[in-house]
Amino acid sequence: MSDDKTKRLNLMRFWLFGTFVILWAISLTYYYINLAPISDVGTVLRAVWPVWATAAGGAIVIYVGYKRWLGRSDGEMGSPAPDQSSAPPA
C-alpha cells in the first residue's frame, strides 16, 4: 500500500476511534443522568452496552471496508494475474 493510502487509512482509524469515544461519552452521560437517580451504575451500563457494541461493530466494518477499498487498485485483495511474458508462443 502506498504512503498516501497508509496516511488516509490512519486518518480513518483516528476518526472512527474518536467518533466511538464521543458516542461512548455522550451515551454514558445521557443514560447516567436519566437512570442514575432511580437505579445504580450497573443498570446504566446494561442499558448502554448495546449502543457501544453497535458503534464498535460499525466502526470495525467501516474500517475493514475502507481498507479493502483502498487496496483494490493495488491488487492486494485477489490473486495476481498470471505472467503472460513466459507463455509459450502460439
Protein backbone atom coordinates (compact mmCIF):
# COMPACT_ATOMS: atom_id res chain seq x y z
CA MET A 1 0.00 0.00 0.00
CA SER A 2 1.35 3.41 -0.90
CA ASP A 3 2.36 6.01 1.65
CA ASP A 4 -0.64 8.21 0.76
CA LYS A 5 -3.09 5.34 1.24
CA THR A 6 -1.50 4.42 4.55
CA LYS A 7 -1.93 8.01 5.74
CA ARG A 8 -5.56 8.00 4.65
CA LEU A 9 -6.16 4.70 6.44
CA ASN A 10 -4.55 6.02 9.64
CA LEU A 11 -6.72 9.15 9.43
CA MET A 12 -9.83 6.99 9.04
CA ARG A 13 -8.77 4.93 12.07
CA PHE A 14 -8.27 8.11 14.11
CA TRP A 15 -11.70 9.50 13.25
CA LEU A 16 -13.51 6.20 13.77
CA PHE A 17 -11.93 5.83 17.21
CA GLY A 18 -12.66 9.47 18.04
CA THR A 19 -16.28 9.09 16.98
CA PHE A 20 -16.61 5.99 19.14
CA VAL A 21 -15.16 7.79 22.17
CA ILE A 22 -17.52 10.75 21.68
CA LEU A 23 -20.51 8.41 21.32
CA TRP A 24 -19.38 6.50 24.40
CA ALA A 25 -19.16 9.68 26.48
CA ILE A 26 -22.47 11.10 25.25
CA SER A 27 -24.42 7.88 25.73
CA LEU A 28 -22.96 7.20 29.16
CA THR A 29 -23.68 10.76 30.30
CA TYR A 30 -27.21 10.74 28.90
CA TYR A 31 -28.18 7.43 30.44
CA TYR A 32 -26.43 8.20 33.71
CA ILE A 33 -28.32 11.48 34.08
CA ASN A 34 -31.66 9.83 33.29
CA LEU A 35 -31.25 6.46 35.03
CA ALA A 36 -28.88 7.11 37.92
CA PRO A 37 -31.45 8.82 40.19
CA ILE A 38 -33.68 5.74 40.02
CA SER A 39 -31.09 2.96 39.68
CA ASP A 40 -27.44 2.03 40.09
CA VAL A 41 -24.42 2.14 37.77
CA GLY A 42 -24.89 -1.49 36.72
CA THR A 43 -28.31 -0.68 35.30
CA VAL A 44 -26.87 2.24 33.38
CA LEU A 45 -24.13 0.06 31.89
CA ARG A 46 -26.63 -2.65 30.94
CA ALA A 47 -28.73 -0.02 29.18
CA VAL A 48 -25.78 1.45 27.27
CA TRP A 49 -23.73 -1.57 26.19
CA PRO A 50 -25.86 -2.34 23.06
CA VAL A 51 -25.16 1.18 21.78
CA TRP A 52 -21.44 0.69 22.35
CA ALA A 53 -21.41 -2.75 20.75
CA THR A 54 -23.28 -1.49 17.69
CA ALA A 55 -20.97 1.50 17.32
CA ALA A 56 -17.84 -0.63 17.75
CA GLY A 57 -19.10 -3.20 15.24
CA GLY A 58 -19.99 -0.48 12.75
CA ALA A 59 -16.59 1.15 13.14
CA ILE A 60 -14.83 -2.16 12.54
CA VAL A 61 -16.93 -2.87 9.44
CA ILE A 62 -16.28 0.62 8.06
CA TYR A 63 -12.54 0.32 8.74
CA VAL A 64 -12.21 -3.10 7.10
CA GLY A 65 -14.34 -2.00 4.15
CA TYR A 66 -12.29 1.16 3.66
CA LYS A 67 -9.05 -0.80 3.92
CA ARG A 68 -10.25 -3.24 1.26
CA TRP A 69 -11.46 -0.36 -0.91
CA LEU A 70 -8.06 1.35 -0.68
CA GLY A 71 -6.27 -1.90 -1.53
CA ARG A 72 -8.45 -2.76 -4.54
CA SER A 73 -6.30 -0.88 -7.05
CA ASP A 74 -3.06 -2.31 -5.66
CA GLY A 75 -4.21 -5.83 -6.38
CA GLU A 76 -3.84 -6.83 -2.73
CA MET A 77 -7.29 -8.41 -2.48
CA GLY A 78 -7.10 -11.06 -5.19
CA SER A 79 -4.54 -13.37 -6.63
CA PRO A 80 -2.15 -11.83 -9.14
CA ALA A 81 -2.78 -12.34 -12.83
CA PRO A 82 -0.56 -14.93 -14.49
CA ASP A 83 2.51 -13.56 -16.21
CA GLN A 84 1.88 -13.61 -19.96
CA SER A 85 5.51 -12.98 -20.91
CA SER A 86 6.57 -16.54 -20.10
CA ALA A 87 3.75 -18.18 -22.03
CA PRO A 88 4.85 -20.35 -24.99
CA PRO A 89 4.24 -18.81 -28.42
CA ALA A 90 1.07 -19.94 -30.12
